[in-house]
PDB file of N, CA and C in Angstrom:
ATOM      1  N   MET A   1       0.840  -1.189   0.000  1.00  0.00           N
ATOM      2  CA  MET A   1       0.000   0.000   0.000  1.00  0.00           C
ATOM      3  C   MET A   1       0.870   1.231   0.000  1.00  0.00           C
ATOM      4  N   SER A   2       0.638   2.091  -0.921  1.00  0.00           N
ATOM      5  CA  SER A   2       1.472   3.272  -1.059  1.00  0.00           C
ATOM      6  C   SER A   2       0.939   4.462  -0.289  1.00  0.00           C
ATOM      7  N   GLY A   3      -0.300   4.390   0.201  1.00  0.00           N
ATOM      8  CA  GLY A   3      -0.853   5.499   0.970  1.00  0.00           C
ATOM      9  C   GLY A   3      -1.447   6.589   0.095  1.00  0.00           C
ATOM     10  N   GLU A   4      -1.428   6.392  -1.220  1.00  0.00           N
ATOM     11  CA  GLU A   4      -1.994   7.390  -2.114  1.00  0.00           C
ATOM     12  C   GLU A   4      -3.491   7.156  -2.249  1.00  0.00           C
ATOM     13  N   GLU A   5      -4.235   8.228  -2.316  1.00  0.00           N
ATOM     14  CA  GLU A   5      -5.679   8.123  -2.517  1.00  0.00           C
ATOM     15  C   GLU A   5      -5.978   8.069  -4.000  1.00  0.00           C
ATOM     16  N   VAL A   6      -6.879   7.190  -4.361  1.00  0.00           N
ATOM     17  CA  VAL A   6      -7.295   7.084  -5.751  1.00  0.00           C
ATOM     18  C   VAL A   6      -8.583   7.871  -5.903  1.00  0.00           C
ATOM     19  N   VAL A   7      -8.610   8.777  -6.865  1.00  0.00           N
ATOM     20  CA  VAL A   7      -9.790   9.604  -7.103  1.00  0.00           C
ATOM     21  C   VAL A   7     -10.533   9.037  -8.301  1.00  0.00           C
ATOM     22  N   ALA A   8     -11.801   8.681  -8.080  1.00  0.00           N
ATOM     23  CA  ALA A   8     -12.618   8.151  -9.172  1.00  0.00           C
ATOM     24  C   ALA A   8     -13.030   9.285 -10.094  1.00  0.00           C
ATOM     25  N   PRO A   9     -13.056   9.035 -11.414  1.00  0.00           N
ATOM     26  CA  PRO A   9     -13.481  10.086 -12.341  1.00  0.00           C
ATOM     27  C   PRO A   9     -14.954  10.425 -12.123  1.00  0.00           C
ATOM     28  N   VAL A  10     -15.278  11.687 -12.249  1.00  0.00           N
ATOM     29  CA  VAL A  10     -16.642  12.163 -12.064  1.00  0.00           C
ATOM     30  C   VAL A  10     -17.291  12.303 -13.436  1.00  0.00           C
ATOM     31  N   ALA A  11     -18.495  11.754 -13.579  1.00  0.00           N
ATOM     32  CA  ALA A  11     -19.208  11.834 -14.852  1.00  0.00           C
ATOM     33  C   ALA A  11     -19.675  13.256 -15.102  1.00  0.00           C
ATOM     34  N   GLU A  12     -19.673  13.644 -16.360  1.00  0.00           N
ATOM     35  CA  GLU A  12     -20.160  14.966 -16.743  1.00  0.00           C
ATOM     36  C   GLU A  12     -21.663  15.032 -16.508  1.00  0.00           C
ATOM     37  N   THR A  13     -22.120  16.021 -15.787  1.00  0.00           N
ATOM     38  CA  THR A  13     -23.542  16.195 -15.546  1.00  0.00           C
ATOM     39  C   THR A  13     -23.916  17.647 -15.784  1.00  0.00           C
ATOM     40  N   THR A  14     -25.187  17.839 -16.002  1.00  0.00           N
ATOM     41  CA  THR A  14     -25.669  19.199 -16.161  1.00  0.00           C
ATOM     42  C   THR A  14     -25.827  19.798 -14.782  1.00  0.00           C
ATOM     43  N   PRO A  15     -25.330  20.984 -14.579  1.00  0.00           N
ATOM     44  CA  PRO A  15     -25.452  21.574 -13.251  1.00  0.00           C
ATOM     45  C   PRO A  15     -26.906  21.872 -12.915  1.00  0.00           C
ATOM     46  N   ALA A  16     -27.266  21.647 -11.671  1.00  0.00           N
ATOM     47  CA  ALA A  16     -28.626  21.935 -11.213  1.00  0.00           C
ATOM     48  C   ALA A  16     -28.790  23.450 -11.096  1.00  0.00           C
ATOM     49  N   PRO A  17     -29.968  23.954 -11.379  1.00  0.00           N
ATOM     50  CA  PRO A  17     -30.197  25.387 -11.233  1.00  0.00           C
ATOM     51  C   PRO A  17     -30.009  25.821  -9.782  1.00  0.00           C
ATOM     52  N   ALA A  18     -29.618  27.064  -9.589  1.00  0.00           N
ATOM     53  CA  ALA A  18     -29.416  27.606  -8.250  1.00  0.00           C
ATOM     54  C   ALA A  18     -30.743  27.671  -7.504  1.00  0.00           C
ATOM     55  N   LEU A  19     -30.660  27.688  -6.190  1.00  0.00           N
ATOM     56  CA  LEU A  19     -31.869  27.775  -5.385  1.00  0.00           C
ATOM     57  C   LEU A  19     -32.679  29.009  -5.751  1.00  0.00           C
ATOM     58  N   GLY A  20     -33.973  28.842  -5.867  1.00  0.00           N
ATOM     59  CA  GLY A  20     -34.846  29.959  -6.201  1.00  0.00           C
ATOM     60  C   GLY A  20     -34.948  30.231  -7.688  1.00  0.00           C
ATOM     61  N   GLU A  21     -34.118  29.552  -8.485  1.00  0.00           N
ATOM     62  CA  GLU A  21     -34.138  29.751  -9.936  1.00  0.00           C
ATOM     63  C   GLU A  21     -35.191  28.832 -10.556  1.00  0.00           C
ATOM     64  N   ALA A  22     -35.844  29.294 -11.593  1.00  0.00           N
ATOM     65  CA  ALA A  22     -36.883  28.512 -12.260  1.00  0.00           C
ATOM     66  C   ALA A  22     -36.285  27.266 -12.915  1.00  0.00           C
ATOM     67  N   MET A  23     -37.058  26.173 -12.887  1.00  0.00           N
ATOM     68  CA  MET A  23     -36.595  24.915 -13.457  1.00  0.00           C
ATOM     69  C   MET A  23     -37.736  24.324 -14.280  1.00  0.00           C
ATOM     70  N   ASP A  24     -37.420  23.798 -15.458  1.00  0.00           N
ATOM     71  CA  ASP A  24     -38.473  23.173 -16.259  1.00  0.00           C
ATOM     72  C   ASP A  24     -38.679  21.723 -15.813  1.00  0.00           C
ATOM     73  N   LEU A  25     -39.759  21.123 -16.282  1.00  0.00           N
ATOM     74  CA  LEU A  25     -40.151  19.789 -15.855  1.00  0.00           C
ATOM     75  C   LEU A  25     -39.107  18.733 -16.216  1.00  0.00           C
ATOM     76  N   MET A  26     -38.540  18.806 -17.400  1.00  0.00           N
ATOM     77  CA  MET A  26     -37.575  17.798 -17.828  1.00  0.00           C
ATOM     78  C   MET A  26     -36.279  17.872 -17.017  1.00  0.00           C
ATOM     79  N   THR A  27     -35.850  19.070 -16.650  1.00  0.00           N
ATOM     80  CA  THR A  27     -34.659  19.212 -15.813  1.00  0.00           C
ATOM     81  C   THR A  27     -34.926  18.631 -14.433  1.00  0.00           C
ATOM     82  N   ALA A  28     -36.094  18.919 -13.879  1.00  0.00           N
ATOM     83  CA  ALA A  28     -36.461  18.384 -12.568  1.00  0.00           C
ATOM     84  C   ALA A  28     -36.540  16.864 -12.619  1.00  0.00           C
ATOM     85  N   LEU A  29     -37.116  16.314 -13.679  1.00  0.00           N
ATOM     86  CA  LEU A  29     -37.221  14.866 -13.825  1.00  0.00           C
ATOM     87  C   LEU A  29     -35.836  14.236 -13.911  1.00  0.00           C
ATOM     88  N   GLN A  30     -34.946  14.860 -14.639  1.00  0.00           N
ATOM     89  CA  GLN A  30     -33.587  14.345 -14.768  1.00  0.00           C
ATOM     90  C   GLN A  30     -32.901  14.285 -13.401  1.00  0.00           C
ATOM     91  N   ILE A  31     -33.084  15.302 -12.588  1.00  0.00           N
ATOM     92  CA  ILE A  31     -32.486  15.333 -11.256  1.00  0.00           C
ATOM     93  C   ILE A  31     -33.095  14.249 -10.369  1.00  0.00           C
ATOM     94  N   VAL A  32     -34.413  14.102 -10.427  1.00  0.00           N
ATOM     95  CA  VAL A  32     -35.096  13.078  -9.624  1.00  0.00           C
ATOM     96  C   VAL A  32     -34.627  11.683 -10.024  1.00  0.00           C
ATOM     97  N   LEU A  33     -34.529  11.411 -11.314  1.00  0.00           N
ATOM     98  CA  LEU A  33     -34.078  10.096 -11.772  1.00  0.00           C
ATOM     99  C   LEU A  33     -32.640   9.828 -11.357  1.00  0.00           C
ATOM    100  N   ARG A  34     -31.790  10.829 -11.442  1.00  0.00           N
ATOM    101  CA  ARG A  34     -30.381  10.667 -11.046  1.00  0.00           C
ATOM    102  C   ARG A  34     -30.282  10.340  -9.557  1.00  0.00           C
ATOM    103  N   LYS A  35     -31.060  11.057  -8.727  1.00  0.00           N
ATOM    104  CA  LYS A  35     -31.036  10.798  -7.286  1.00  0.00           C
ATOM    105  C   LYS A  35     -31.636   9.433  -6.951  1.00  0.00           C
ATOM    106  N   SER A  36     -32.705   9.059  -7.633  1.00  0.00           N
ATOM    107  CA  SER A  36     -33.325   7.753  -7.407  1.00  0.00           C
ATOM    108  C   SER A  36     -32.372   6.626  -7.769  1.00  0.00           C
ATOM    109  N   LEU A  37     -31.655   6.787  -8.857  1.00  0.00           N
ATOM    110  CA  LEU A  37     -30.679   5.788  -9.283  1.00  0.00           C
ATOM    111  C   LEU A  37     -29.569   5.658  -8.248  1.00  0.00           C
ATOM    112  N   ALA A  38     -29.096   6.779  -7.736  1.00  0.00           N
ATOM    113  CA  ALA A  38     -28.012   6.774  -6.758  1.00  0.00           C
ATOM    114  C   ALA A  38     -28.421   6.088  -5.453  1.00  0.00           C
ATOM    115  N   HIS A  39     -29.693   6.161  -5.106  1.00  0.00           N
ATOM    116  CA  HIS A  39     -30.166   5.586  -3.852  1.00  0.00           C
ATOM    117  C   HIS A  39     -30.840   4.237  -4.025  1.00  0.00           C
ATOM    118  N   GLY A  40     -30.762   3.665  -5.223  1.00  0.00           N
ATOM    119  CA  GLY A  40     -31.309   2.340  -5.470  1.00  0.00           C
ATOM    120  C   GLY A  40     -32.828   2.287  -5.518  1.00  0.00           C
ATOM    121  N   GLY A  41     -33.465   3.398  -5.839  1.00  0.00           N
ATOM    122  CA  GLY A  41     -34.917   3.438  -5.857  1.00  0.00           C
ATOM    123  C   GLY A  41     -35.512   3.518  -7.241  1.00  0.00           C
ATOM    124  N   LEU A  42     -34.807   3.000  -8.236  1.00  0.00           N
ATOM    125  CA  LEU A  42     -35.265   3.126  -9.608  1.00  0.00           C
ATOM    126  C   LEU A  42     -35.480   1.741 -10.215  1.00  0.00           C
ATOM    127  N   ALA A  43     -36.689   1.482 -10.678  1.00  0.00           N
ATOM    128  CA  ALA A  43     -36.995   0.234 -11.384  1.00  0.00           C
ATOM    129  C   ALA A  43     -37.048   0.571 -12.867  1.00  0.00           C
ATOM    130  N   ARG A  44     -36.343  -0.219 -13.690  1.00  0.00           N
ATOM    131  CA  ARG A  44     -36.276   0.070 -15.115  1.00  0.00           C
ATOM    132  C   ARG A  44     -36.811  -1.097 -15.915  1.00  0.00           C
ATOM    133  N   GLY A  45     -37.571  -0.782 -16.932  1.00  0.00           N
ATOM    134  CA  GLY A  45     -38.117  -1.809 -17.806  1.00  0.00           C
ATOM    135  C   GLY A  45     -39.517  -2.218 -17.398  1.00  0.00           C
ATOM    136  N   LEU A  46     -40.183  -2.922 -18.298  1.00  0.00           N
ATOM    137  CA  LEU A  46     -41.570  -3.315 -18.083  1.00  0.00           C
ATOM    138  C   LEU A  46     -41.712  -4.278 -16.906  1.00  0.00           C
ATOM    139  N   HIS A  47     -40.881  -5.296 -16.850  1.00  0.00           N
ATOM    140  CA  HIS A  47     -41.006  -6.314 -15.807  1.00  0.00           C
ATOM    141  C   HIS A  47     -40.780  -5.726 -14.405  1.00  0.00           C
ATOM    142  N   GLU A  48     -39.660  -5.024 -14.217  1.00  0.00           N
ATOM    143  CA  GLU A  48     -39.363  -4.413 -12.912  1.00  0.00           C
ATOM    144  C   GLU A  48     -40.423  -3.380 -12.548  1.00  0.00           C
ATOM    145  N   GLY A  49     -40.797  -2.557 -13.516  1.00  0.00           N
ATOM    146  CA  GLY A  49     -41.782  -1.506 -13.264  1.00  0.00           C
ATOM    147  C   GLY A  49     -43.139  -2.053 -12.863  1.00  0.00           C
ATOM    148  N   ALA A  50     -43.597  -3.088 -13.563  1.00  0.00           N
ATOM    149  CA  ALA A  50     -44.894  -3.692 -13.247  1.00  0.00           C
ATOM    150  C   ALA A  50     -44.904  -4.285 -11.845  1.00  0.00           C
ATOM    151  N   LYS A  51     -43.805  -4.931 -11.446  1.00  0.00           N
ATOM    152  CA  LYS A  51     -43.731  -5.507 -10.103  1.00  0.00           C
ATOM    153  C   LYS A  51     -43.843  -4.429  -9.031  1.00  0.00           C
ATOM    154  N   VAL A  52     -43.131  -3.325  -9.215  1.00  0.00           N
ATOM    155  CA  VAL A  52     -43.148  -2.248  -8.227  1.00  0.00           C
ATOM    156  C   VAL A  52     -44.518  -1.573  -8.180  1.00  0.00           C
ATOM    157  N   ILE A  53     -45.126  -1.362  -9.333  1.00  0.00           N
ATOM    158  CA  ILE A  53     -46.456  -0.739  -9.374  1.00  0.00           C
ATOM    159  C   ILE A  53     -47.475  -1.633  -8.676  1.00  0.00           C
ATOM    160  N   GLU A  54     -47.437  -2.928  -8.938  1.00  0.00           N
ATOM    161  CA  GLU A  54     -48.403  -3.846  -8.337  1.00  0.00           C
ATOM    162  C   GLU A  54     -48.210  -4.016  -6.832  1.00  0.00           C
ATOM    163  N   LYS A  55     -47.007  -3.773  -6.328  1.00  0.00           N
ATOM    164  CA  LYS A  55     -46.749  -3.816  -4.884  1.00  0.00           C
ATOM    165  C   LYS A  55     -47.172  -2.515  -4.200  1.00  0.00           C
ATOM    166  N   HIS A  56     -47.665  -1.564  -4.977  1.00  0.00           N
ATOM    167  CA  HIS A  56     -48.041  -0.232  -4.474  1.00  0.00           C
ATOM    168  C   HIS A  56     -46.834   0.509  -3.898  1.00  0.00           C
ATOM    169  N   ALA A  57     -45.659   0.273  -4.467  1.00  0.00           N
ATOM    170  CA  ALA A  57     -44.445   0.916  -4.006  1.00  0.00           C
ATOM    171  C   ALA A  57     -43.982   2.021  -4.956  1.00  0.00           C
ATOM    172  N   ALA A  58     -44.655   2.189  -6.087  1.00  0.00           N
ATOM    173  CA  ALA A  58     -44.239   3.181  -7.085  1.00  0.00           C
ATOM    174  C   ALA A  58     -44.840   4.548  -6.767  1.00  0.00           C
ATOM    175  N   GLN A  59     -44.047   5.569  -6.962  1.00  0.00           N
ATOM    176  CA  GLN A  59     -44.498   6.942  -6.790  1.00  0.00           C
ATOM    177  C   GLN A  59     -44.742   7.615  -8.138  1.00  0.00           C
ATOM    178  N   LEU A  60     -43.947   7.234  -9.126  1.00  0.00           N
ATOM    179  CA  LEU A  60     -43.971   7.880 -10.433  1.00  0.00           C
ATOM    180  C   LEU A  60     -43.544   6.875 -11.486  1.00  0.00           C
ATOM    181  N   CYS A  61     -44.176   6.954 -12.641  1.00  0.00           N
ATOM    182  CA  CYS A  61     -43.801   6.117 -13.777  1.00  0.00           C
ATOM    183  C   CYS A  61     -43.489   7.056 -14.941  1.00  0.00           C
ATOM    184  N   VAL A  62     -42.402   6.779 -15.645  1.00  0.00           N
ATOM    185  CA  VAL A  62     -41.995   7.612 -16.772  1.00  0.00           C
ATOM    186  C   VAL A  62     -41.982   6.739 -18.023  1.00  0.00           C
ATOM    187  N   LEU A  63     -42.655   7.205 -19.065  1.00  0.00           N
ATOM    188  CA  LEU A  63     -42.804   6.450 -20.310  1.00  0.00           C
ATOM    189  C   LEU A  63     -42.369   7.312 -21.485  1.00  0.00           C
ATOM    190  N   ALA A  64     -41.660   6.713 -22.437  1.00  0.00           N
ATOM    191  CA  ALA A  64     -41.215   7.441 -23.626  1.00  0.00           C
ATOM    192  C   ALA A  64     -42.346   7.542 -24.640  1.00  0.00           C
ATOM    193  N   GLU A  65     -42.544   8.729 -25.199  1.00  0.00           N
ATOM    194  CA  GLU A  65     -43.591   8.955 -26.205  1.00  0.00           C
ATOM    195  C   GLU A  65     -43.308   8.217 -27.510  1.00  0.00           C
ATOM    196  N   ASP A  66     -42.030   7.993 -27.803  1.00  0.00           N
ATOM    197  CA  ASP A  66     -41.694   7.362 -29.078  1.00  0.00           C
ATOM    198  C   ASP A  66     -41.651   5.828 -28.987  1.00  0.00           C
ATOM    199  N   CYS A  67     -42.242   5.275 -27.946  1.00  0.00           N
ATOM    200  CA  CYS A  67     -42.324   3.817 -27.811  1.00  0.00           C
ATOM    201  C   CYS A  67     -43.191   3.275 -28.946  1.00  0.00           C
ATOM    202  N   ASN A  68     -42.659   2.297 -29.681  1.00  0.00           N
ATOM    203  CA  ASN A  68     -43.374   1.781 -30.843  1.00  0.00           C
ATOM    204  C   ASN A  68     -44.110   0.468 -30.546  1.00  0.00           C
ATOM    205  N   GLN A  69     -44.338   0.175 -29.284  1.00  0.00           N
ATOM    206  CA  GLN A  69     -45.058  -1.020 -28.858  1.00  0.00           C
ATOM    207  C   GLN A  69     -46.395  -0.600 -28.233  1.00  0.00           C
ATOM    208  N   PRO A  70     -47.487  -0.572 -29.007  1.00  0.00           N
ATOM    209  CA  PRO A  70     -48.765  -0.092 -28.468  1.00  0.00           C
ATOM    210  C   PRO A  70     -49.270  -0.904 -27.277  1.00  0.00           C
ATOM    211  N   ASP A  71     -49.007  -2.208 -27.251  1.00  0.00           N
ATOM    212  CA  ASP A  71     -49.430  -3.033 -26.119  1.00  0.00           C
ATOM    213  C   ASP A  71     -48.681  -2.653 -24.847  1.00  0.00           C
ATOM    214  N   TYR A  72     -47.401  -2.342 -24.987  1.00  0.00           N
ATOM    215  CA  TYR A  72     -46.560  -1.911 -23.873  1.00  0.00           C
ATOM    216  C   TYR A  72     -47.124  -0.622 -23.279  1.00  0.00           C
ATOM    217  N   VAL A  73     -47.423   0.334 -24.151  1.00  0.00           N
ATOM    218  CA  VAL A  73     -47.952   1.632 -23.706  1.00  0.00           C
ATOM    219  C   VAL A  73     -49.294   1.435 -23.003  1.00  0.00           C
ATOM    220  N   LYS A  74     -50.172   0.619 -23.593  1.00  0.00           N
ATOM    221  CA  LYS A  74     -51.487   0.358 -22.995  1.00  0.00           C
ATOM    222  C   LYS A  74     -51.364  -0.268 -21.611  1.00  0.00           C
ATOM    223  N   LEU A  75     -50.466  -1.234 -21.481  1.00  0.00           N
ATOM    224  CA  LEU A  75     -50.275  -1.924 -20.210  1.00  0.00           C
ATOM    225  C   LEU A  75     -49.758  -0.964 -19.137  1.00  0.00           C
ATOM    226  N   VAL A  76     -48.766  -0.171 -19.468  1.00  0.00           N
ATOM    227  CA  VAL A  76     -48.196   0.758 -18.499  1.00  0.00           C
ATOM    228  C   VAL A  76     -49.239   1.786 -18.065  1.00  0.00           C
ATOM    229  N   LYS A  77     -49.982   2.328 -19.020  1.00  0.00           N
ATOM    230  CA  LYS A  77     -51.023   3.308 -18.674  1.00  0.00           C
ATOM    231  C   LYS A  77     -52.112   2.686 -17.803  1.00  0.00           C
ATOM    232  N   ALA A  78     -52.501   1.449 -18.109  1.00  0.00           N
ATOM    233  CA  ALA A  78     -53.535   0.780 -17.321  1.00  0.00           C
ATOM    234  C   ALA A  78     -53.050   0.480 -15.907  1.00  0.00           C
ATOM    235  N   LEU A  79     -51.817  -0.008 -15.767  1.00  0.00           N
ATOM    236  CA  LEU A  79     -51.264  -0.275 -14.444  1.00  0.00           C
ATOM    237  C   LEU A  79     -51.213   0.990 -13.596  1.00  0.00           C
ATOM    238  N   CYS A  80     -50.760   2.073 -14.203  1.00  0.00           N
ATOM    239  CA  CYS A  80     -50.664   3.343 -13.476  1.00  0.00           C
ATOM    240  C   CYS A  80     -52.046   3.840 -13.060  1.00  0.00           C
ATOM    241  N   ALA A  81     -53.021   3.726 -13.952  1.00  0.00           N
ATOM    242  CA  ALA A  81     -54.377   4.174 -13.639  1.00  0.00           C
ATOM    243  C   ALA A  81     -54.996   3.313 -12.536  1.00  0.00           C
ATOM    244  N   ASP A  82     -54.819   1.994 -12.602  1.00  0.00           N
ATOM    245  CA  ASP A  82     -55.395   1.088 -11.611  1.00  0.00           C
ATOM    246  C   ASP A  82     -54.798   1.272 -10.221  1.00  0.00           C
ATOM    247  N   HIS A  83     -53.517   1.623 -10.162  1.00  0.00           N
ATOM    248  CA  HIS A  83     -52.838   1.716  -8.867  1.00  0.00           C
ATOM    249  C   HIS A  83     -52.541   3.158  -8.448  1.00  0.00           C
ATOM    250  N   ASN A  84     -53.171   4.117  -9.118  1.00  0.00           N
ATOM    251  CA  ASN A  84     -53.022   5.542  -8.789  1.00  0.00           C
ATOM    252  C   ASN A  84     -51.560   5.997  -8.749  1.00  0.00           C
ATOM    253  N   VAL A  85     -50.812   5.630  -9.777  1.00  0.00           N
ATOM    254  CA  VAL A  85     -49.421   6.044  -9.911  1.00  0.00           C
ATOM    255  C   VAL A  85     -49.358   7.142 -10.959  1.00  0.00           C
ATOM    256  N   SER A  86     -48.684   8.225 -10.644  1.00  0.00           N
ATOM    257  CA  SER A  86     -48.533   9.333 -11.597  1.00  0.00           C
ATOM    258  C   SER A  86     -47.702   8.876 -12.786  1.00  0.00           C
ATOM    259  N   LEU A  87     -48.111   9.304 -13.975  1.00  0.00           N
ATOM    260  CA  LEU A  87     -47.425   8.921 -15.206  1.00  0.00           C
ATOM    261  C   LEU A  87     -46.952  10.170 -15.926  1.00  0.00           C
ATOM    262  N   LEU A  88     -45.661  10.219 -16.234  1.00  0.00           N
ATOM    263  CA  LEU A  88     -45.078  11.301 -17.024  1.00  0.00           C
ATOM    264  C   LEU A  88     -44.561  10.709 -18.325  1.00  0.00           C
ATOM    265  N   THR A  89     -44.646  11.477 -19.395  1.00  0.00           N
ATOM    266  CA  THR A  89     -44.069  11.037 -20.663  1.00  0.00           C
ATOM    267  C   THR A  89     -42.934  11.967 -21.051  1.00  0.00           C
ATOM    268  N   VAL A  90     -41.922  11.366 -21.646  1.00  0.00           N
ATOM    269  CA  VAL A  90     -40.785  12.128 -22.164  1.00  0.00           C
ATOM    270  C   VAL A  90     -40.714  11.855 -23.663  1.00  0.00           C
ATOM    271  N   PRO A  91     -40.194  12.794 -24.439  1.00  0.00           N
ATOM    272  CA  PRO A  91     -40.199  12.639 -25.902  1.00  0.00           C
ATOM    273  C   PRO A  91     -39.380  11.467 -26.431  1.00  0.00           C
ATOM    274  N   SER A  92     -38.243  11.150 -25.821  1.00  0.00           N
ATOM    275  CA  SER A  92     -37.328  10.195 -26.422  1.00  0.00           C
ATOM    276  C   SER A  92     -36.950   9.066 -25.470  1.00  0.00           C
ATOM    277  N   ALA A  93     -37.032   7.835 -25.952  1.00  0.00           N
ATOM    278  CA  ALA A  93     -36.620   6.670 -25.162  1.00  0.00           C
ATOM    279  C   ALA A  93     -35.111   6.693 -24.921  1.00  0.00           C
ATOM    280  N   LYS A  94     -34.373   7.181 -25.882  1.00  0.00           N
ATOM    281  CA  LYS A  94     -32.919   7.246 -25.743  1.00  0.00           C
ATOM    282  C   LYS A  94     -32.535   8.201 -24.610  1.00  0.00           C
ATOM    283  N   THR A  95     -33.173   9.351 -24.572  1.00  0.00           N
ATOM    284  CA  THR A  95     -32.907  10.319 -23.517  1.00  0.00           C
ATOM    285  C   THR A  95     -33.300   9.753 -22.157  1.00  0.00           C
ATOM    286  N   LEU A  96     -34.462   9.127 -22.086  1.00  0.00           N
ATOM    287  CA  LEU A  96     -34.917   8.529 -20.835  1.00  0.00           C
ATOM    288  C   LEU A  96     -33.937   7.461 -20.367  1.00  0.00           C
ATOM    289  N   GLY A  97     -33.450   6.654 -21.280  1.00  0.00           N
ATOM    290  CA  GLY A  97     -32.464   5.637 -20.935  1.00  0.00           C
ATOM    291  C   GLY A  97     -31.188   6.234 -20.376  1.00  0.00           C
ATOM    292  N   GLU A  98     -30.731   7.333 -20.962  1.00  0.00           N
ATOM    293  CA  GLU A  98     -29.525   8.009 -20.459  1.00  0.00           C
ATOM    294  C   GLU A  98     -29.768   8.546 -19.059  1.00  0.00           C
ATOM    295  N   TRP A  99     -30.928   9.139 -18.817  1.00  0.00           N
ATOM    296  CA  TRP A  99     -31.246   9.689 -17.502  1.00  0.00           C
ATOM    297  C   TRP A  99     -31.378   8.595 -16.456  1.00  0.00           C
ATOM    298  N   ALA A 100     -31.865   7.427 -16.863  1.00  0.00           N
ATOM    299  CA  ALA A 100     -32.086   6.332 -15.924  1.00  0.00           C
ATOM    300  C   ALA A 100     -30.866   5.426 -15.775  1.00  0.00           C
ATOM    301  N   GLY A 101     -29.769   5.778 -16.426  1.00  0.00           N
ATOM    302  CA  GLY A 101     -28.542   5.026 -16.281  1.00  0.00           C
ATOM    303  C   GLY A 101     -28.487   3.745 -17.072  1.00  0.00           C
ATOM    304  N   VAL A 102     -29.228   3.673 -18.163  1.00  0.00           N
ATOM    305  CA  VAL A 102     -29.236   2.483 -19.010  1.00  0.00           C
ATOM    306  C   VAL A 102     -28.299   2.729 -20.184  1.00  0.00           C
ATOM    307  N   SER A 103     -27.387   1.793 -20.404  1.00  0.00           N
ATOM    308  CA  SER A 103     -26.526   1.936 -21.585  1.00  0.00           C
ATOM    309  C   SER A 103     -27.122   1.062 -22.687  1.00  0.00           C
ATOM    310  N   ILE A 104     -27.503   1.677 -23.771  1.00  0.00           N
ATOM    311  CA  ILE A 104     -28.122   0.971 -24.887  1.00  0.00           C
ATOM    312  C   ILE A 104     -27.135   0.918 -26.050  1.00  0.00           C
ATOM    313  N   MET A 105     -26.921  -0.277 -26.557  1.00  0.00           N
ATOM    314  CA  MET A 105     -26.019  -0.426 -27.698  1.00  0.00           C
ATOM    315  C   MET A 105     -26.827  -0.949 -28.869  1.00  0.00           C
ATOM    316  N   TYR A 106     -26.691  -0.304 -29.992  1.00  0.00           N
ATOM    317  CA  TYR A 106     -27.357  -0.728 -31.215  1.00  0.00           C
ATOM    318  C   TYR A 106     -26.319  -1.246 -32.172  1.00  0.00           C
ATOM    319  N   SER A 107     -26.639  -2.309 -32.874  1.00  0.00           N
ATOM    320  CA  SER A 107     -25.675  -2.830 -33.858  1.00  0.00           C
ATOM    321  C   SER A 107     -26.037  -2.384 -35.238  1.00  0.00           C
TER     322      SER A 107
END
């Protein structure tokens, strides 16, 4: 052991607005998702999300508007409505994946 401290690289993030400064919904959602991920409170995907919603443990559900699976969208909306879970939509699945810490690789 050399006694040197190893500093982990810090990921580039968008700075949060200063206190009292106006914030739009997407910026607030990004901050909430980042904090939820850091504290282990984020369920990702249909299977994980459905389990949490059915246990009445979900506070918020986020769905991408560009989802091309109509059955998926119908199921998520119905689950949220049945269990009184708030549903937010974001324009892009890719952006939502980045905010939720999902690395997506396309070939």
